[in-house]
Amino acid sequence: MPLIKIDLIDGRSDDQVKTLLDAAHCAVVEAFQVPEGDRYQIVNEHRPSRLIVKDTGLGIDRTDNVVVITVISRPRTEESKVLFYQLLAKGLREKCGIAASELVVSIVTNTDADWSFGYGRAQFLTGEL
């Protein structure tokens, strides 16, 4: 936890996707102070016509290298979120060659009752986590 969903234009190699996932995980671990083994990531690849990401009037030019990341998480501080954005952009640029202008991130917050990690139990509520 958190759960990271990554949407991409289809065409990256398995190694490129792995490197991207690793970079995202490093940012989560550092910014949100989660354990290294706490890793939940899903990649969805789309044909170019199925992923439209405009610039919201900011003058950002996007290409087929665009990456949309949705983070589903328990509440985080504003400071940790800003740090996450910075670390993520830096990691994707350095490790994957993805420009910061190609990155869109949204953090969706939920509560302990919104998580079950298996066995039909709410482990944050039962004290297992």
C-alpha atoms as a PDB file:
ATOM      1  CA  MET A   1       0.000   0.000   0.000  1.00  0.00           C
ATOM      2  CA  PRO A   2      -0.318   2.480  -1.630  1.00  0.00           C
ATOM      3  CA  LEU A   3      -1.745   1.048  -4.822  1.00  0.00           C
ATOM      4  CA  ILE A   4      -0.098   2.551  -7.918  1.00  0.00           C
ATOM      5  CA  LYS A   5      -1.930   2.409 -11.254  1.00  0.00           C
ATOM      6  CA  ILE A   6       0.080   3.437 -14.295  1.00  0.00           C
ATOM      7  CA  ASP A   7      -1.454   4.138 -17.689  1.00  0.00           C
ATOM      8  CA  LEU A   8       0.806   4.216 -20.756  1.00  0.00           C
ATOM      9  CA  ILE A   9       0.674   4.189 -24.521  1.00  0.00           C
ATOM     10  CA  ASP A  10       1.416   0.638 -25.678  1.00  0.00           C
ATOM     11  CA  GLY A  11       4.859  -0.003 -27.104  1.00  0.00           C
ATOM     12  CA  ARG A  12       7.355  -0.076 -24.252  1.00  0.00           C
ATOM     13  CA  SER A  13       9.470  -3.177 -23.717  1.00  0.00           C
ATOM     14  CA  ASP A  14       9.157  -5.322 -20.599  1.00  0.00           C
ATOM     15  CA  ASP A  15      12.506  -3.937 -19.389  1.00  0.00           C
ATOM     16  CA  GLN A  16      11.319  -0.342 -19.891  1.00  0.00           C
ATOM     17  CA  VAL A  17       8.135  -1.039 -17.935  1.00  0.00           C
ATOM     18  CA  LYS A  18      10.095  -2.743 -15.144  1.00  0.00           C
ATOM     19  CA  THR A  19      12.448   0.236 -14.895  1.00  0.00           C
ATOM     20  CA  LEU A  20       9.470   2.609 -14.743  1.00  0.00           C
ATOM     21  CA  LEU A  21       7.821   0.516 -12.012  1.00  0.00           C
ATOM     22  CA  ASP A  22      11.066   0.394 -10.037  1.00  0.00           C
ATOM     23  CA  ALA A  23      11.477   4.191 -10.279  1.00  0.00           C
ATOM     24  CA  ALA A  24       7.889   4.739  -9.112  1.00  0.00           C
ATOM     25  CA  HIS A  25       8.404   2.358  -6.208  1.00  0.00           C
ATOM     26  CA  CYS A  26      11.594   4.139  -5.113  1.00  0.00           C
ATOM     27  CA  ALA A  27       9.689   7.438  -5.017  1.00  0.00           C
ATOM     28  CA  VAL A  28       6.854   5.898  -2.966  1.00  0.00           C
ATOM     29  CA  VAL A  29       9.246   4.325  -0.465  1.00  0.00           C
ATOM     30  CA  GLU A  30      11.185   7.541   0.072  1.00  0.00           C
ATOM     31  CA  ALA A  31       8.344  10.064   0.040  1.00  0.00           C
ATOM     32  CA  PHE A  32       5.708   8.066   1.919  1.00  0.00           C
ATOM     33  CA  GLN A  33       8.070   6.048   4.145  1.00  0.00           C
ATOM     34  CA  VAL A  34       6.488   2.720   3.213  1.00  0.00           C
ATOM     35  CA  PRO A  35       8.435  -0.533   3.647  1.00  0.00           C
ATOM     36  CA  GLU A  36      10.451  -1.667   0.624  1.00  0.00           C
ATOM     37  CA  GLY A  37       8.371  -4.853   0.331  1.00  0.00           C
ATOM     38  CA  ASP A  38       5.081  -2.922   0.367  1.00  0.00           C
ATOM     39  CA  ARG A  39       4.586  -2.886  -3.403  1.00  0.00           C
ATOM     40  CA  TYR A  40       1.292  -2.876  -5.305  1.00  0.00           C
ATOM     41  CA  GLN A  41       1.504  -1.730  -8.934  1.00  0.00           C
ATOM     42  CA  ILE A  42      -0.726  -2.187 -11.984  1.00  0.00           C
ATOM     43  CA  VAL A  43       0.179  -1.170 -15.535  1.00  0.00           C
ATOM     44  CA  ASN A  44      -2.476  -0.560 -18.160  1.00  0.00           C
ATOM     45  CA  GLU A  45      -1.286  -0.103 -21.736  1.00  0.00           C
ATOM     46  CA  HIS A  46      -3.457   1.611 -24.306  1.00  0.00           C
ATOM     47  CA  ARG A  47      -3.519   2.183 -28.039  1.00  0.00           C
ATOM     48  CA  PRO A  48      -2.691   5.850 -28.721  1.00  0.00           C
ATOM     49  CA  SER A  49      -6.330   6.662 -29.500  1.00  0.00           C
ATOM     50  CA  ARG A  50      -7.399   5.300 -26.094  1.00  0.00           C
ATOM     51  CA  LEU A  51      -5.317   7.584 -23.878  1.00  0.00           C
ATOM     52  CA  ILE A  52      -5.883  11.302 -24.286  1.00  0.00           C
ATOM     53  CA  VAL A  53      -3.957  13.594 -21.950  1.00  0.00           C
ATOM     54  CA  LYS A  54      -4.182  17.304 -22.732  1.00  0.00           C
ATOM     55  CA  ASP A  55      -2.247  20.138 -21.133  1.00  0.00           C
ATOM     56  CA  THR A  56      -5.047  21.816 -19.091  1.00  0.00           C
ATOM     57  CA  GLY A  57      -4.030  25.197 -20.517  1.00  0.00           C
ATOM     58  CA  LEU A  58      -0.490  25.030 -19.144  1.00  0.00           C
ATOM     59  CA  GLY A  59       1.205  24.881 -22.547  1.00  0.00           C
ATOM     60  CA  ILE A  60       2.501  21.369 -21.992  1.00  0.00           C
ATOM     61  CA  ASP A  61       3.204  19.398 -25.159  1.00  0.00           C
ATOM     62  CA  ARG A  62       2.702  15.688 -24.667  1.00  0.00           C
ATOM     63  CA  THR A  63       3.803  12.781 -26.815  1.00  0.00           C
ATOM     64  CA  ASP A  64       3.185   9.042 -26.849  1.00  0.00           C
ATOM     65  CA  ASN A  65       5.703   8.917 -23.977  1.00  0.00           C
ATOM     66  CA  VAL A  66       3.052  10.278 -21.577  1.00  0.00           C
ATOM     67  CA  VAL A  67       2.626   8.508 -18.233  1.00  0.00           C
ATOM     68  CA  VAL A  68      -0.495   8.868 -16.070  1.00  0.00           C
ATOM     69  CA  ILE A  69      -0.088   7.657 -12.506  1.00  0.00           C
ATOM     70  CA  THR A  70      -2.924   7.218 -10.021  1.00  0.00           C
ATOM     71  CA  VAL A  71      -1.921   6.630  -6.417  1.00  0.00           C
ATOM     72  CA  ILE A  72      -4.586   5.199  -4.118  1.00  0.00           C
ATOM     73  CA  SER A  73      -3.463   5.664  -0.540  1.00  0.00           C
ATOM     74  CA  ARG A  74      -4.243   6.375   3.053  1.00  0.00           C
ATOM     75  CA  PRO A  75      -3.942  10.101   3.846  1.00  0.00           C
ATOM     76  CA  ARG A  76      -0.495  11.658   3.263  1.00  0.00           C
ATOM     77  CA  THR A  77       0.827  15.086   4.164  1.00  0.00           C
ATOM     78  CA  GLU A  78       1.049  17.790   1.520  1.00  0.00           C
ATOM     79  CA  GLU A  79       4.817  17.795   2.014  1.00  0.00           C
ATOM     80  CA  SER A  80       5.102  14.060   1.320  1.00  0.00           C
ATOM     81  CA  LYS A  81       2.912  14.400  -1.780  1.00  0.00           C
ATOM     82  CA  VAL A  82       5.038  17.238  -3.185  1.00  0.00           C
ATOM     83  CA  LEU A  83       8.188  15.229  -2.430  1.00  0.00           C
ATOM     84  CA  PHE A  84       6.653  12.220  -4.195  1.00  0.00           C
ATOM     85  CA  TYR A  85       5.920  14.296  -7.322  1.00  0.00           C
ATOM     86  CA  GLN A  86       9.490  15.601  -7.358  1.00  0.00           C
ATOM     87  CA  LEU A  87      11.138  12.234  -6.740  1.00  0.00           C
ATOM     88  CA  LEU A  88       8.918  10.536  -9.298  1.00  0.00           C
ATOM     89  CA  ALA A  89       9.673  13.105 -12.004  1.00  0.00           C
ATOM     90  CA  LYS A  90      13.394  12.909 -11.259  1.00  0.00           C
ATOM     91  CA  GLY A  91      13.454   9.098 -11.215  1.00  0.00           C
ATOM     92  CA  LEU A  92      11.493   8.765 -14.458  1.00  0.00           C
ATOM     93  CA  ARG A  93      13.743  11.318 -16.160  1.00  0.00           C
ATOM     94  CA  GLU A  94      17.010   9.773 -14.948  1.00  0.00           C
ATOM     95  CA  LYS A  95      16.120   6.094 -15.213  1.00  0.00           C
ATOM     96  CA  CYS A  96      13.591   6.049 -18.059  1.00  0.00           C
ATOM     97  CA  GLY A  97      14.283   9.154 -20.121  1.00  0.00           C
ATOM     98  CA  ILE A  98      10.724  10.373 -19.542  1.00  0.00           C
ATOM     99  CA  ALA A  99      10.469  14.170 -19.430  1.00  0.00           C
ATOM    100  CA  ALA A 100       8.692  15.690 -16.440  1.00  0.00           C
ATOM    101  CA  SER A 101       6.231  17.273 -18.890  1.00  0.00           C
ATOM    102  CA  GLU A 102       5.048  13.764 -19.804  1.00  0.00           C
ATOM    103  CA  LEU A 103       3.996  12.927 -16.245  1.00  0.00           C
ATOM    104  CA  VAL A 104       0.491  13.367 -14.812  1.00  0.00           C
ATOM    105  CA  VAL A 105      -0.164  12.218 -11.234  1.00  0.00           C
ATOM    106  CA  SER A 106      -3.315  12.045  -9.136  1.00  0.00           C
ATOM    107  CA  ILE A 107      -3.441  10.894  -5.530  1.00  0.00           C
ATOM    108  CA  VAL A 108      -6.763   9.457  -4.357  1.00  0.00           C
ATOM    109  CA  THR A 109      -7.105   9.207  -0.585  1.00  0.00           C
ATOM    110  CA  ASN A 110      -9.081   6.590   1.302  1.00  0.00           C
ATOM    111  CA  THR A 111      -9.205   5.219   4.851  1.00  0.00           C
ATOM    112  CA  ASP A 112      -8.175   2.080   6.713  1.00  0.00           C
ATOM    113  CA  ALA A 113     -11.634   0.537   6.231  1.00  0.00           C
ATOM    114  CA  ASP A 114     -11.149   0.750   2.447  1.00  0.00           C
ATOM    115  CA  TRP A 115      -8.389  -1.882   2.329  1.00  0.00           C
ATOM    116  CA  SER A 116      -8.410  -5.670   2.378  1.00  0.00           C
ATOM    117  CA  PHE A 117      -5.165  -7.435   1.522  1.00  0.00           C
ATOM    118  CA  GLY A 118      -6.670 -10.906   1.437  1.00  0.00           C
ATOM    119  CA  TYR A 119      -8.723 -13.482   3.305  1.00  0.00           C
ATOM    120  CA  GLY A 120     -11.762 -11.178   3.345  1.00  0.00           C
ATOM    121  CA  ARG A 121     -10.369  -9.201   6.284  1.00  0.00           C
ATOM    122  CA  ALA A 122      -9.702  -5.492   6.786  1.00  0.00           C
ATOM    123  CA  GLN A 123      -6.152  -5.890   8.107  1.00  0.00           C
ATOM    124  CA  PHE A 124      -5.725  -2.217   9.072  1.00  0.00           C
ATOM    125  CA  LEU A 125      -8.849  -2.512  11.235  1.00  0.00           C
ATOM    126  CA  THR A 126      -8.090  -5.924  12.717  1.00  0.00           C
ATOM    127  CA  GLY A 127      -4.583  -4.848  13.776  1.00  0.00           C
ATOM    128  CA  GLU A 128      -2.845  -7.297  11.468  1.00  0.00           C
ATOM    129  CA  LEU A 129      -1.202  -4.279   9.824  1.00  0.00           C
END
